[in-house]
Amino acid sequence: MEKHQAQAFAQEWVAAWNARDLGRILSHYEDDFEMSSPAIVKLMGEPSGTLKGKEKIGEYWAGALEKYPHLRFELRHVLRGAGSVTLIYDGVLGLSAEVFHFGPAGKVAQAFAHYDL
């Protein structure tokens, strides 16, 4: 992924979350993508911390948007990897990083959230 592509993804991803637009947020992901986060354990009661598919993850994120009505992300930095991007940002859980692995269609196939808990 080129630097300008990673930066464009980051800006759009943050803007979608800050707009609280679930459809726009989910548009960045493949239909069967996987999301792993320590917050999934807490909010969804899923011991593995992993959910799969837009429907299930959409429910999780809808709950997060409801629980945190003032949710806002401030992008700090964008890092590029081989077929992946890491965003470092300030969010409702403090300093956060999310790693996004992209599939062949250019959408996120796997995402991993990390928090300074």
PDB file of N, CA and C in Angstrom:
ATOM      1  N   MET A   1       0.846  -1.177   0.000  1.00  0.00           N
ATOM      2  CA  MET A   1       0.000   0.000   0.000  1.00  0.00           C
ATOM      3  C   MET A   1       0.894   1.243   0.000  1.00  0.00           C
ATOM      4  N   GLU A   2       0.576   2.151  -0.873  1.00  0.00           N
ATOM      5  CA  GLU A   2       1.325   3.406  -0.956  1.00  0.00           C
ATOM      6  C   GLU A   2       0.961   4.318   0.213  1.00  0.00           C
ATOM      7  N   LYS A   3       1.877   5.223   0.536  1.00  0.00           N
ATOM      8  CA  LYS A   3       1.676   6.120   1.677  1.00  0.00           C
ATOM      9  C   LYS A   3       0.383   6.928   1.540  1.00  0.00           C
ATOM     10  N   HIS A   4       0.113   7.456   0.345  1.00  0.00           N
ATOM     11  CA  HIS A   4      -1.096   8.273   0.159  1.00  0.00           C
ATOM     12  C   HIS A   4      -2.367   7.431   0.327  1.00  0.00           C
ATOM     13  N   GLN A   5      -2.317   6.139  -0.040  1.00  0.00           N
ATOM     14  CA  GLN A   5      -3.472   5.258   0.139  1.00  0.00           C
ATOM     15  C   GLN A   5      -3.717   4.984   1.623  1.00  0.00           C
ATOM     16  N   ALA A   6      -2.656   4.727   2.357  1.00  0.00           N
ATOM     17  CA  ALA A   6      -2.776   4.482   3.793  1.00  0.00           C
ATOM     18  C   ALA A   6      -3.322   5.719   4.498  1.00  0.00           C
ATOM     19  N   GLN A   7      -2.822   6.884   4.122  1.00  0.00           N
ATOM     20  CA  GLN A   7      -3.277   8.129   4.733  1.00  0.00           C
ATOM     21  C   GLN A   7      -4.752   8.394   4.391  1.00  0.00           C
ATOM     22  N   ALA A   8      -5.143   8.134   3.159  1.00  0.00           N
ATOM     23  CA  ALA A   8      -6.543   8.329   2.753  1.00  0.00           C
ATOM     24  C   ALA A   8      -7.459   7.378   3.523  1.00  0.00           C
ATOM     25  N   PHE A   9      -7.050   6.116   3.664  1.00  0.00           N
ATOM     26  CA  PHE A   9      -7.841   5.162   4.447  1.00  0.00           C
ATOM     27  C   PHE A   9      -7.992   5.668   5.878  1.00  0.00           C
ATOM     28  N   ALA A  10      -6.889   6.091   6.485  1.00  0.00           N
ATOM     29  CA  ALA A  10      -6.910   6.558   7.874  1.00  0.00           C
ATOM     30  C   ALA A  10      -7.850   7.743   8.048  1.00  0.00           C
ATOM     31  N   GLN A  11      -7.747   8.718   7.170  1.00  0.00           N
ATOM     32  CA  GLN A  11      -8.595   9.917   7.276  1.00  0.00           C
ATOM     33  C   GLN A  11     -10.072   9.553   7.129  1.00  0.00           C
ATOM     34  N   GLU A  12     -10.390   8.689   6.172  1.00  0.00           N
ATOM     35  CA  GLU A  12     -11.789   8.296   5.949  1.00  0.00           C
ATOM     36  C   GLU A  12     -12.308   7.448   7.102  1.00  0.00           C
ATOM     37  N   TRP A  13     -11.497   6.548   7.619  1.00  0.00           N
ATOM     38  CA  TRP A  13     -11.903   5.686   8.731  1.00  0.00           C
ATOM     39  C   TRP A  13     -12.219   6.522   9.965  1.00  0.00           C
ATOM     40  N   VAL A  14     -11.340   7.449  10.305  1.00  0.00           N
ATOM     41  CA  VAL A  14     -11.562   8.329  11.457  1.00  0.00           C
ATOM     42  C   VAL A  14     -12.800   9.204  11.227  1.00  0.00           C
ATOM     43  N   ALA A  15     -12.936   9.747  10.030  1.00  0.00           N
ATOM     44  CA  ALA A  15     -14.098  10.595   9.727  1.00  0.00           C
ATOM     45  C   ALA A  15     -15.404   9.815   9.852  1.00  0.00           C
ATOM     46  N   ALA A  16     -15.417   8.554   9.415  1.00  0.00           N
ATOM     47  CA  ALA A  16     -16.621   7.727   9.521  1.00  0.00           C
ATOM     48  C   ALA A  16     -17.005   7.507  10.979  1.00  0.00           C
ATOM     49  N   TRP A  17     -16.003   7.193  11.814  1.00  0.00           N
ATOM     50  CA  TRP A  17     -16.281   7.008  13.239  1.00  0.00           C
ATOM     51  C   TRP A  17     -16.741   8.318  13.885  1.00  0.00           C
ATOM     52  N   ASN A  18     -16.063   9.417  13.565  1.00  0.00           N
ATOM     53  CA  ASN A  18     -16.431  10.694  14.174  1.00  0.00           C
ATOM     54  C   ASN A  18     -17.808  11.175  13.720  1.00  0.00           C
ATOM     55  N   ALA A  19     -18.249  10.719  12.548  1.00  0.00           N
ATOM     56  CA  ALA A  19     -19.604  11.025  12.071  1.00  0.00           C
ATOM     57  C   ALA A  19     -20.638  10.082  12.687  1.00  0.00           C
ATOM     58  N   ARG A  20     -20.155   9.032  13.375  1.00  0.00           N
ATOM     59  CA  ARG A  20     -21.024   8.045  14.014  1.00  0.00           C
ATOM     60  C   ARG A  20     -21.933   7.353  12.989  1.00  0.00           C
ATOM     61  N   ASP A  21     -21.384   7.120  11.800  1.00  0.00           N
ATOM     62  CA  ASP A  21     -22.131   6.549  10.682  1.00  0.00           C
ATOM     63  C   ASP A  21     -21.742   5.082  10.518  1.00  0.00           C
ATOM     64  N   LEU A  22     -22.537   4.191  11.108  1.00  0.00           N
ATOM     65  CA  LEU A  22     -22.198   2.767  11.127  1.00  0.00           C
ATOM     66  C   LEU A  22     -22.067   2.182   9.724  1.00  0.00           C
ATOM     67  N   GLY A  23     -22.946   2.545   8.815  1.00  0.00           N
ATOM     68  CA  GLY A  23     -22.850   2.047   7.440  1.00  0.00           C
ATOM     69  C   GLY A  23     -21.549   2.469   6.773  1.00  0.00           C
ATOM     70  N   ARG A  24     -21.168   3.688   6.993  1.00  0.00           N
ATOM     71  CA  ARG A  24     -19.915   4.216   6.432  1.00  0.00           C
ATOM     72  C   ARG A  24     -18.709   3.519   7.069  1.00  0.00           C
ATOM     73  N   ILE A  25     -18.773   3.286   8.369  1.00  0.00           N
ATOM     74  CA  ILE A  25     -17.692   2.572   9.054  1.00  0.00           C
ATOM     75  C   ILE A  25     -17.543   1.174   8.452  1.00  0.00           C
ATOM     76  N   LEU A  26     -18.652   0.447   8.360  1.00  0.00           N
ATOM     77  CA  LEU A  26     -18.615  -0.937   7.868  1.00  0.00           C
ATOM     78  C   LEU A  26     -18.227  -1.037   6.396  1.00  0.00           C
ATOM     79  N   SER A  27     -18.358   0.047   5.637  1.00  0.00           N
ATOM     80  CA  SER A  27     -18.020   0.014   4.208  1.00  0.00           C
ATOM     81  C   SER A  27     -16.537  -0.236   3.963  1.00  0.00           C
ATOM     82  N   HIS A  28     -15.706  -0.080   4.972  1.00  0.00           N
ATOM     83  CA  HIS A  28     -14.269  -0.297   4.834  1.00  0.00           C
ATOM     84  C   HIS A  28     -13.878  -1.773   4.937  1.00  0.00           C
ATOM     85  N   TYR A  29     -14.840  -2.637   5.252  1.00  0.00           N
ATOM     86  CA  TYR A  29     -14.541  -4.021   5.610  1.00  0.00           C
ATOM     87  C   TYR A  29     -15.190  -5.014   4.659  1.00  0.00           C
ATOM     88  N   GLU A  30     -14.522  -6.175   4.504  1.00  0.00           N
ATOM     89  CA  GLU A  30     -15.118  -7.293   3.770  1.00  0.00           C
ATOM     90  C   GLU A  30     -16.305  -7.828   4.570  1.00  0.00           C
ATOM     91  N   ASP A  31     -17.243  -8.495   3.907  1.00  0.00           N
ATOM     92  CA  ASP A  31     -18.439  -9.001   4.587  1.00  0.00           C
ATOM     93  C   ASP A  31     -18.119  -9.966   5.724  1.00  0.00           C
ATOM     94  N   ASP A  32     -17.077 -10.777   5.558  1.00  0.00           N
ATOM     95  CA  ASP A  32     -16.757 -11.796   6.563  1.00  0.00           C
ATOM     96  C   ASP A  32     -15.496 -11.467   7.365  1.00  0.00           C
ATOM     97  N   PHE A  33     -15.198 -10.181   7.518  1.00  0.00           N
ATOM     98  CA  PHE A  33     -13.980  -9.804   8.226  1.00  0.00           C
ATOM     99  C   PHE A  33     -14.027 -10.200   9.698  1.00  0.00           C
ATOM    100  N   GLU A  34     -12.847 -10.267  10.298  1.00  0.00           N
ATOM    101  CA  GLU A  34     -12.714 -10.591  11.719  1.00  0.00           C
ATOM    102  C   GLU A  34     -12.171  -9.389  12.466  1.00  0.00           C
ATOM    103  N   MET A  35     -12.712  -9.170  13.651  1.00  0.00           N
ATOM    104  CA  MET A  35     -12.269  -8.083  14.519  1.00  0.00           C
ATOM    105  C   MET A  35     -11.876  -8.672  15.859  1.00  0.00           C
ATOM    106  N   SER A  36     -10.679  -8.333  16.339  1.00  0.00           N
ATOM    107  CA  SER A  36     -10.214  -8.776  17.650  1.00  0.00           C
ATOM    108  C   SER A  36      -9.930  -7.552  18.506  1.00  0.00           C
ATOM    109  N   SER A  37     -10.435  -7.592  19.743  1.00  0.00           N
ATOM    110  CA  SER A  37     -10.278  -6.452  20.638  1.00  0.00           C
ATOM    111  C   SER A  37     -10.536  -6.890  22.077  1.00  0.00           C
ATOM    112  N   PRO A  38      -9.783  -6.350  23.027  1.00  0.00           N
ATOM    113  CA  PRO A  38     -10.096  -6.651  24.426  1.00  0.00           C
ATOM    114  C   PRO A  38     -11.460  -6.084  24.825  1.00  0.00           C
ATOM    115  N   ALA A  39     -11.937  -5.067  24.118  1.00  0.00           N
ATOM    116  CA  ALA A  39     -13.259  -4.496  24.413  1.00  0.00           C
ATOM    117  C   ALA A  39     -14.386  -5.459  24.030  1.00  0.00           C
ATOM    118  N   ILE A  40     -14.147  -6.371  23.091  1.00  0.00           N
ATOM    119  CA  ILE A  40     -15.157  -7.367  22.706  1.00  0.00           C
ATOM    120  C   ILE A  40     -15.448  -8.285  23.895  1.00  0.00           C
ATOM    121  N   VAL A  41     -14.414  -8.614  24.638  1.00  0.00           N
ATOM    122  CA  VAL A  41     -14.605  -9.441  25.830  1.00  0.00           C
ATOM    123  C   VAL A  41     -15.537  -8.725  26.798  1.00  0.00           C
ATOM    124  N   LYS A  42     -15.276  -7.448  27.025  1.00  0.00           N
ATOM    125  CA  LYS A  42     -16.020  -6.662  28.000  1.00  0.00           C
ATOM    126  C   LYS A  42     -17.444  -6.340  27.535  1.00  0.00           C
ATOM    127  N   LEU A  43     -17.589  -5.875  26.298  1.00  0.00           N
ATOM    128  CA  LEU A  43     -18.905  -5.416  25.826  1.00  0.00           C
ATOM    129  C   LEU A  43     -19.795  -6.530  25.290  1.00  0.00           C
ATOM    130  N   MET A  44     -19.193  -7.585  24.738  1.00  0.00           N
ATOM    131  CA  MET A  44     -19.976  -8.653  24.111  1.00  0.00           C
ATOM    132  C   MET A  44     -19.939  -9.958  24.904  1.00  0.00           C
ATOM    133  N   GLY A  45     -19.081 -10.029  25.911  1.00  0.00           N
ATOM    134  CA  GLY A  45     -18.971 -11.256  26.677  1.00  0.00           C
ATOM    135  C   GLY A  45     -18.372 -12.410  25.890  1.00  0.00           C
ATOM    136  N   GLU A  46     -17.620 -12.093  24.838  1.00  0.00           N
ATOM    137  CA  GLU A  46     -16.991 -13.119  24.000  1.00  0.00           C
ATOM    138  C   GLU A  46     -15.570 -13.344  24.513  1.00  0.00           C
ATOM    139  N   PRO A  47     -15.319 -14.491  25.183  1.00  0.00           N
ATOM    140  CA  PRO A  47     -14.023 -14.715  25.819  1.00  0.00           C
ATOM    141  C   PRO A  47     -12.828 -14.689  24.868  1.00  0.00           C
ATOM    142  N   SER A  48     -13.022 -15.037  23.602  1.00  0.00           N
ATOM    143  CA  SER A  48     -11.909 -15.045  22.646  1.00  0.00           C
ATOM    144  C   SER A  48     -11.493 -13.633  22.253  1.00  0.00           C
ATOM    145  N   GLY A  49     -12.392 -12.668  22.446  1.00  0.00           N
ATOM    146  CA  GLY A  49     -12.103 -11.295  22.032  1.00  0.00           C
ATOM    147  C   GLY A  49     -12.213 -11.079  20.538  1.00  0.00           C
ATOM    148  N   THR A  50     -12.762 -12.057  19.811  1.00  0.00           N
ATOM    149  CA  THR A  50     -12.849 -11.983  18.347  1.00  0.00           C
ATOM    150  C   THR A  50     -14.282 -12.201  17.881  1.00  0.00           C
ATOM    151  N   LEU A  51     -14.712 -11.372  16.935  1.00  0.00           N
ATOM    152  CA  LEU A  51     -16.005 -11.523  16.267  1.00  0.00           C
ATOM    153  C   LEU A  51     -15.760 -11.618  14.770  1.00  0.00           C
ATOM    154  N   LYS A  52     -16.701 -12.247  14.056  1.00  0.00           N
ATOM    155  CA  LYS A  52     -16.562 -12.396  12.609  1.00  0.00           C
ATOM    156  C   LYS A  52     -17.849 -11.997  11.911  1.00  0.00           C
ATOM    157  N   GLY A  53     -17.702 -11.222  10.828  1.00  0.00           N
ATOM    158  CA  GLY A  53     -18.824 -10.846   9.972  1.00  0.00           C
ATOM    159  C   GLY A  53     -19.399  -9.481  10.297  1.00  0.00           C
ATOM    160  N   LYS A  54     -19.839  -8.797   9.244  1.00  0.00           N
ATOM    161  CA  LYS A  54     -20.368  -7.441   9.395  1.00  0.00           C
ATOM    162  C   LYS A  54     -21.577  -7.379  10.316  1.00  0.00           C
ATOM    163  N   GLU A  55     -22.452  -8.386  10.257  1.00  0.00           N
ATOM    164  CA  GLU A  55     -23.656  -8.353  11.084  1.00  0.00           C
ATOM    165  C   GLU A  55     -23.302  -8.355  12.569  1.00  0.00           C
ATOM    166  N   LYS A  56     -22.489  -9.305  12.967  1.00  0.00           N
ATOM    167  CA  LYS A  56     -22.113  -9.452  14.384  1.00  0.00           C
ATOM    168  C   LYS A  56     -21.279  -8.254  14.860  1.00  0.00           C
ATOM    169  N   ILE A  57     -20.308  -7.846  14.055  1.00  0.00           N
ATOM    170  CA  ILE A  57     -19.456  -6.724  14.436  1.00  0.00           C
ATOM    171  C   ILE A  57     -20.240  -5.420  14.384  1.00  0.00           C
ATOM    172  N   GLY A  58     -21.179  -5.327  13.448  1.00  0.00           N
ATOM    173  CA  GLY A  58     -22.049  -4.149  13.394  1.00  0.00           C
ATOM    174  C   GLY A  58     -22.853  -3.994  14.680  1.00  0.00           C
ATOM    175  N   GLU A  59     -23.334  -5.108  15.236  1.00  0.00           N
ATOM    176  CA  GLU A  59     -24.060  -5.067  16.513  1.00  0.00           C
ATOM    177  C   GLU A  59     -23.136  -4.575  17.629  1.00  0.00           C
ATOM    178  N   TYR A  60     -21.917  -5.078  17.636  1.00  0.00           N
ATOM    179  CA  TYR A  60     -20.926  -4.681  18.638  1.00  0.00           C
ATOM    180  C   TYR A  60     -20.648  -3.182  18.542  1.00  0.00           C
ATOM    181  N   TRP A  61     -20.393  -2.706  17.323  1.00  0.00           N
ATOM    182  CA  TRP A  61     -20.083  -1.284  17.161  1.00  0.00           C
ATOM    183  C   TRP A  61     -21.294  -0.402  17.423  1.00  0.00           C
ATOM    184  N   ALA A  62     -22.488  -0.859  17.082  1.00  0.00           N
ATOM    185  CA  ALA A  62     -23.695  -0.084  17.408  1.00  0.00           C
ATOM    186  C   ALA A  62     -23.801   0.089  18.917  1.00  0.00           C
ATOM    187  N   GLY A  63     -23.498  -0.974  19.669  1.00  0.00           N
ATOM    188  CA  GLY A  63     -23.501  -0.892  21.127  1.00  0.00           C
ATOM    189  C   GLY A  63     -22.457   0.074  21.649  1.00  0.00           C
ATOM    190  N   ALA A  64     -21.280   0.075  21.021  1.00  0.00           N
ATOM    191  CA  ALA A  64     -20.214   0.997  21.431  1.00  0.00           C
ATOM    192  C   ALA A  64     -20.623   2.444  21.151  1.00  0.00           C
ATOM    193  N   LEU A  65     -21.246   2.686  20.000  1.00  0.00           N
ATOM    194  CA  LEU A  65     -21.695   4.045  19.677  1.00  0.00           C
ATOM    195  C   LEU A  65     -22.762   4.519  20.665  1.00  0.00           C
ATOM    196  N   GLU A  66     -23.616   3.591  21.102  1.00  0.00           N
ATOM    197  CA  GLU A  66     -24.649   3.929  22.080  1.00  0.00           C
ATOM    198  C   GLU A  66     -24.027   4.176  23.459  1.00  0.00           C
ATOM    199  N   LYS A  67     -23.096   3.319  23.850  1.00  0.00           N
ATOM    200  CA  LYS A  67     -22.466   3.419  25.172  1.00  0.00           C
ATOM    201  C   LYS A  67     -21.613   4.684  25.304  1.00  0.00           C
ATOM    202  N   TYR A  68     -20.990   5.089  24.211  1.00  0.00           N
ATOM    203  CA  TYR A  68     -20.104   6.259  24.215  1.00  0.00           C
ATOM    204  C   TYR A  68     -20.655   7.342  23.283  1.00  0.00           C
ATOM    205  N   PRO A  69     -21.651   8.116  23.739  1.00  0.00           N
ATOM    206  CA  PRO A  69     -22.276   9.108  22.863  1.00  0.00           C
ATOM    207  C   PRO A  69     -21.338  10.229  22.404  1.00  0.00           C
ATOM    208  N   HIS A  70     -20.234  10.409  23.103  1.00  0.00           N
ATOM    209  CA  HIS A  70     -19.289  11.463  22.715  1.00  0.00           C
ATOM    210  C   HIS A  70     -18.025  10.869  22.101  1.00  0.00           C
ATOM    211  N   LEU A  71     -18.147   9.642  21.568  1.00  0.00           N
ATOM    212  CA  LEU A  71     -17.017   8.972  20.950  1.00  0.00           C
ATOM    213  C   LEU A  71     -16.413   9.856  19.865  1.00  0.00           C
ATOM    214  N   ARG A  72     -15.117  10.020  19.941  1.00  0.00           N
ATOM    215  CA  ARG A  72     -14.390  10.797  18.943  1.00  0.00           C
ATOM    216  C   ARG A  72     -12.958  10.276  18.900  1.00  0.00           C
ATOM    217  N   PHE A  73     -12.433  10.124  17.686  1.00  0.00           N
ATOM    218  CA  PHE A  73     -11.059   9.678  17.501  1.00  0.00           C
ATOM    219  C   PHE A  73     -10.223  10.829  16.960  1.00  0.00           C
ATOM    220  N   GLU A  74      -9.006  10.938  17.479  1.00  0.00           N
ATOM    221  CA  GLU A  74      -8.050  11.911  16.957  1.00  0.00           C
ATOM    222  C   GLU A  74      -6.824  11.146  16.473  1.00  0.00           C
ATOM    223  N   LEU A  75      -6.622  11.164  15.178  1.00  0.00           N
ATOM    224  CA  LEU A  75      -5.534  10.424  14.556  1.00  0.00           C
ATOM    225  C   LEU A  75      -4.188  11.032  14.937  1.00  0.00           C
ATOM    226  N   ARG A  76      -3.275  10.173  15.389  1.00  0.00           N
ATOM    227  CA  ARG A  76      -1.917  10.605  15.736  1.00  0.00           C
ATOM    228  C   ARG A  76      -0.909  10.234  14.669  1.00  0.00           C
ATOM    229  N   HIS A  77      -1.020   8.980  14.167  1.00  0.00           N
ATOM    230  CA  HIS A  77      -0.002   8.513  13.234  1.00  0.00           C
ATOM    231  C   HIS A  77      -0.527   7.337  12.413  1.00  0.00           C
ATOM    232  N   VAL A  78       0.013   7.194  11.218  1.00  0.00           N
ATOM    233  CA  VAL A  78      -0.324   6.093  10.314  1.00  0.00           C
ATOM    234  C   VAL A  78       0.966   5.359   9.973  1.00  0.00           C
ATOM    235  N   LEU A  79       0.954   4.038  10.183  1.00  0.00           N
ATOM    236  CA  LEU A  79       2.104   3.193   9.856  1.00  0.00           C
ATOM    237  C   LEU A  79       1.699   2.179   8.798  1.00  0.00           C
ATOM    238  N   ARG A  80       2.564   1.951   7.825  1.00  0.00           N
ATOM    239  CA  ARG A  80       2.280   0.993   6.762  1.00  0.00           C
ATOM    240  C   ARG A  80       3.068  -0.290   6.964  1.00  0.00           C
ATOM    241  N   GLY A  81       2.441  -1.410   6.633  1.00  0.00           N
ATOM    242  CA  GLY A  81       3.107  -2.699   6.652  1.00  0.00           C
ATOM    243  C   GLY A  81       2.896  -3.378   5.307  1.00  0.00           C
ATOM    244  N   ALA A  82       3.203  -4.648   5.237  1.00  0.00           N
ATOM    245  CA  ALA A  82       2.984  -5.432   4.031  1.00  0.00           C
ATOM    246  C   ALA A  82       1.523  -5.874   4.004  1.00  0.00           C
ATOM    247  N   GLY A  83       0.711  -5.175   3.231  1.00  0.00           N
ATOM    248  CA  GLY A  83      -0.717  -5.493   3.157  1.00  0.00           C
ATOM    249  C   GLY A  83      -1.490  -5.082   4.391  1.00  0.00           C
ATOM    250  N   SER A  84      -0.914  -4.181   5.166  1.00  0.00           N
ATOM    251  CA  SER A  84      -1.581  -3.751   6.394  1.00  0.00           C
ATOM    252  C   SER A  84      -1.277  -2.291   6.710  1.00  0.00           C
ATOM    253  N   VAL A  85      -2.099  -1.742   7.576  1.00  0.00           N
ATOM    254  CA  VAL A  85      -1.944  -0.363   8.054  1.00  0.00           C
ATOM    255  C   VAL A  85      -2.231  -0.376   9.547  1.00  0.00           C
ATOM    256  N   THR A  86      -1.459   0.387  10.298  1.00  0.00           N
ATOM    257  CA  THR A  86      -1.719   0.577  11.720  1.00  0.00           C
ATOM    258  C   THR A  86      -2.022   2.040  11.964  1.00  0.00           C
ATOM    259  N   LEU A  87      -3.147   2.287  12.630  1.00  0.00           N
ATOM    260  CA  LEU A  87      -3.517   3.653  13.007  1.00  0.00           C
ATOM    261  C   LEU A  87      -3.299   3.808  14.501  1.00  0.00           C
ATOM    262  N   ILE A  88      -2.649   4.867  14.884  1.00  0.00           N
ATOM    263  CA  ILE A  88      -2.467   5.211  16.286  1.00  0.00           C
ATOM    264  C   ILE A  88      -3.297   6.463  16.521  1.00  0.00           C
ATOM    265  N   TYR A  89      -4.171   6.387  17.516  1.00  0.00           N
ATOM    266  CA  TYR A  89      -5.104   7.497  17.732  1.00  0.00           C
ATOM    267  C   TYR A  89      -5.486   7.590  19.201  1.00  0.00           C
ATOM    268  N   ASP A  90      -6.027   8.737  19.557  1.00  0.00           N
ATOM    269  CA  ASP A  90      -6.635   8.924  20.866  1.00  0.00           C
ATOM    270  C   ASP A  90      -8.126   8.675  20.698  1.00  0.00           C
ATOM    271  N   GLY A  91      -8.684   7.856  21.588  1.00  0.00           N
ATOM    272  CA  GLY A  91     -10.110   7.535  21.523  1.00  0.00           C
ATOM    273  C   GLY A  91     -10.716   7.491  22.903  1.00  0.00           C
ATOM    274  N   VAL A  92     -11.920   6.966  23.000  1.00  0.00           N
ATOM    275  CA  VAL A  92     -12.628   6.920  24.288  1.00  0.00           C
ATOM    276  C   VAL A  92     -11.925   6.045  25.308  1.00  0.00           C
ATOM    277  N   LEU A  93     -11.079   5.113  24.862  1.00  0.00           N
ATOM    278  CA  LEU A  93     -10.329   4.251  25.772  1.00  0.00           C
ATOM    279  C   LEU A  93      -8.879   4.719  25.923  1.00  0.00           C
ATOM    280  N   GLY A  94      -8.612   5.964  25.546  1.00  0.00           N
ATOM    281  CA  GLY A  94      -7.268   6.518  25.654  1.00  0.00           C
ATOM    282  C   GLY A  94      -6.449   6.225  24.410  1.00  0.00           C
ATOM    283  N   LEU A  95      -5.131   6.167  24.602  1.00  0.00           N
ATOM    284  CA  LEU A  95      -4.233   5.891  23.485  1.00  0.00           C
ATOM    285  C   LEU A  95      -4.570   4.516  22.905  1.00  0.00           C
ATOM    286  N   SER A  96      -4.756   4.465  21.594  1.00  0.00           N
ATOM    287  CA  SER A  96      -5.204   3.244  20.928  1.00  0.00           C
ATOM    288  C   SER A  96      -4.418   3.023  19.640  1.00  0.00           C
ATOM    289  N   ALA A  97      -4.341   1.759  19.238  1.00  0.00           N
ATOM    290  CA  ALA A  97      -3.761   1.395  17.946  1.00  0.00           C
ATOM    291  C   ALA A  97      -4.632   0.304  17.343  1.00  0.00           C
ATOM    292  N   GLU A  98      -4.891   0.425  16.054  1.00  0.00           N
ATOM    293  CA  GLU A  98      -5.606  -0.635  15.341  1.00  0.00           C
ATOM    294  C   GLU A  98      -4.792  -1.035  14.135  1.00  0.00           C
ATOM    295  N   VAL A  99      -4.661  -2.346  13.974  1.00  0.00           N
ATOM    296  CA  VAL A  99      -3.931  -2.918  12.853  1.00  0.00           C
ATOM    297  C   VAL A  99      -4.965  -3.500  11.899  1.00  0.00           C
ATOM    298  N   PHE A 100      -4.884  -3.091  10.635  1.00  0.00           N
ATOM    299  CA  PHE A 100      -5.828  -3.521   9.608  1.00  0.00           C
ATOM    300  C   PHE A 100      -5.079  -4.313   8.544  1.00  0.00           C
ATOM    301  N   HIS A 101      -5.509  -5.551   8.304  1.00  0.00           N
ATOM    302  CA  HIS A 101      -4.959  -6.379   7.237  1.00  0.00           C
ATOM    303  C   HIS A 101      -5.970  -6.380   6.095  1.00  0.00           C
ATOM    304  N   PHE A 102      -5.504  -6.044   4.911  1.00  0.00           N
ATOM    305  CA  PHE A 102      -6.398  -5.894   3.761  1.00  0.00           C
ATOM    306  C   PHE A 102      -6.424  -7.148   2.908  1.00  0.00           C
ATOM    307  N   GLY A 103      -7.611  -7.453   2.378  1.00  0.00           N
ATOM    308  CA  GLY A 103      -7.786  -8.571   1.467  1.00  0.00           C
ATOM    309  C   GLY A 103      -7.541  -8.140   0.032  1.00  0.00           C
ATOM    310  N   PRO A 104      -7.691  -9.071  -0.918  1.00  0.00           N
ATOM    311  CA  PRO A 104      -7.422  -8.788  -2.331  1.00  0.00           C
ATOM    312  C   PRO A 104      -8.311  -7.683  -2.922  1.00  0.00           C
ATOM    313  N   ALA A 105      -9.506  -7.491  -2.375  1.00  0.00           N
ATOM    314  CA  ALA A 105     -10.422  -6.474  -2.898  1.00  0.00           C
ATOM    315  C   ALA A 105     -10.108  -5.076  -2.354  1.00  0.00           C
ATOM    316  N   GLY A 106      -9.090  -4.970  -1.501  1.00  0.00           N
ATOM    317  CA  GLY A 106      -8.719  -3.670  -0.959  1.00  0.00           C
ATOM    318  C   GLY A 106      -9.506  -3.254   0.267  1.00  0.00           C
ATOM    319  N   LYS A 107     -10.293  -4.174   0.803  1.00  0.00           N
ATOM    320  CA  LYS A 107     -11.049  -3.895   2.030  1.00  0.00           C
ATOM    321  C   LYS A 107     -10.414  -4.659   3.190  1.00  0.00           C
ATOM    322  N   VAL A 108     -10.734  -4.246   4.400  1.00  0.00           N
ATOM    323  CA  VAL A 108     -10.148  -4.863   5.589  1.00  0.00           C
ATOM    324  C   VAL A 108     -10.700  -6.278   5.768  1.00  0.00           C
ATOM    325  N   ALA A 109      -9.793  -7.240   5.902  1.00  0.00           N
ATOM    326  CA  ALA A 109     -10.160  -8.635   6.135  1.00  0.00           C
ATOM    327  C   ALA A 109     -10.035  -8.995   7.616  1.00  0.00           C
ATOM    328  N   GLN A 110      -9.073  -8.367   8.297  1.00  0.00           N
ATOM    329  CA  GLN A 110      -8.867  -8.597   9.727  1.00  0.00           C
ATOM    330  C   GLN A 110      -8.452  -7.274  10.370  1.00  0.00           C
ATOM    331  N   ALA A 111      -8.929  -7.067  11.589  1.00  0.00           N
ATOM    332  CA  ALA A 111      -8.562  -5.875  12.342  1.00  0.00           C
ATOM    333  C   ALA A 111      -8.290  -6.275  13.791  1.00  0.00           C
ATOM    334  N   PHE A 112      -7.281  -5.632  14.374  1.00  0.00           N
ATOM    335  CA  PHE A 112      -6.858  -5.930  15.737  1.00  0.00           C
ATOM    336  C   PHE A 112      -6.717  -4.617  16.486  1.00  0.00           C
ATOM    337  N   ALA A 113      -7.510  -4.445  17.543  1.00  0.00           N
ATOM    338  CA  ALA A 113      -7.479  -3.227  18.344  1.00  0.00           C
ATOM    339  C   ALA A 113      -6.609  -3.431  19.576  1.00  0.00           C
ATOM    340  N   HIS A 114      -5.872  -2.392  19.931  1.00  0.00           N
ATOM    341  CA  HIS A 114      -4.982  -2.412  21.089  1.00  0.00           C
ATOM    342  C   HIS A 114      -5.207  -1.112  21.870  1.00  0.00           C
ATOM    343  N   TYR A 115      -5.271  -1.236  23.199  1.00  0.00           N
ATOM    344  CA  TYR A 115      -5.538  -0.079  24.040  1.00  0.00           C
ATOM    345  C   TYR A 115      -4.535  -0.004  25.182  1.00  0.00           C
ATOM    346  N   ASP A 116      -4.313   1.181  25.670  1.00  0.00           N
ATOM    347  CA  ASP A 116      -3.434   1.426  26.802  1.00  0.00           C
ATOM    348  C   ASP A 116      -4.254   1.283  28.085  1.00  0.00           C
ATOM    349  N   LEU A 117      -4.624   0.035  28.406  1.00  0.00           N
ATOM    350  CA  LEU A 117      -5.490  -0.222  29.563  1.00  0.00           C
ATOM    351  C   LEU A 117      -4.691  -0.556  30.801  1.00  0.00           C
TER     352      LEU A 117
END
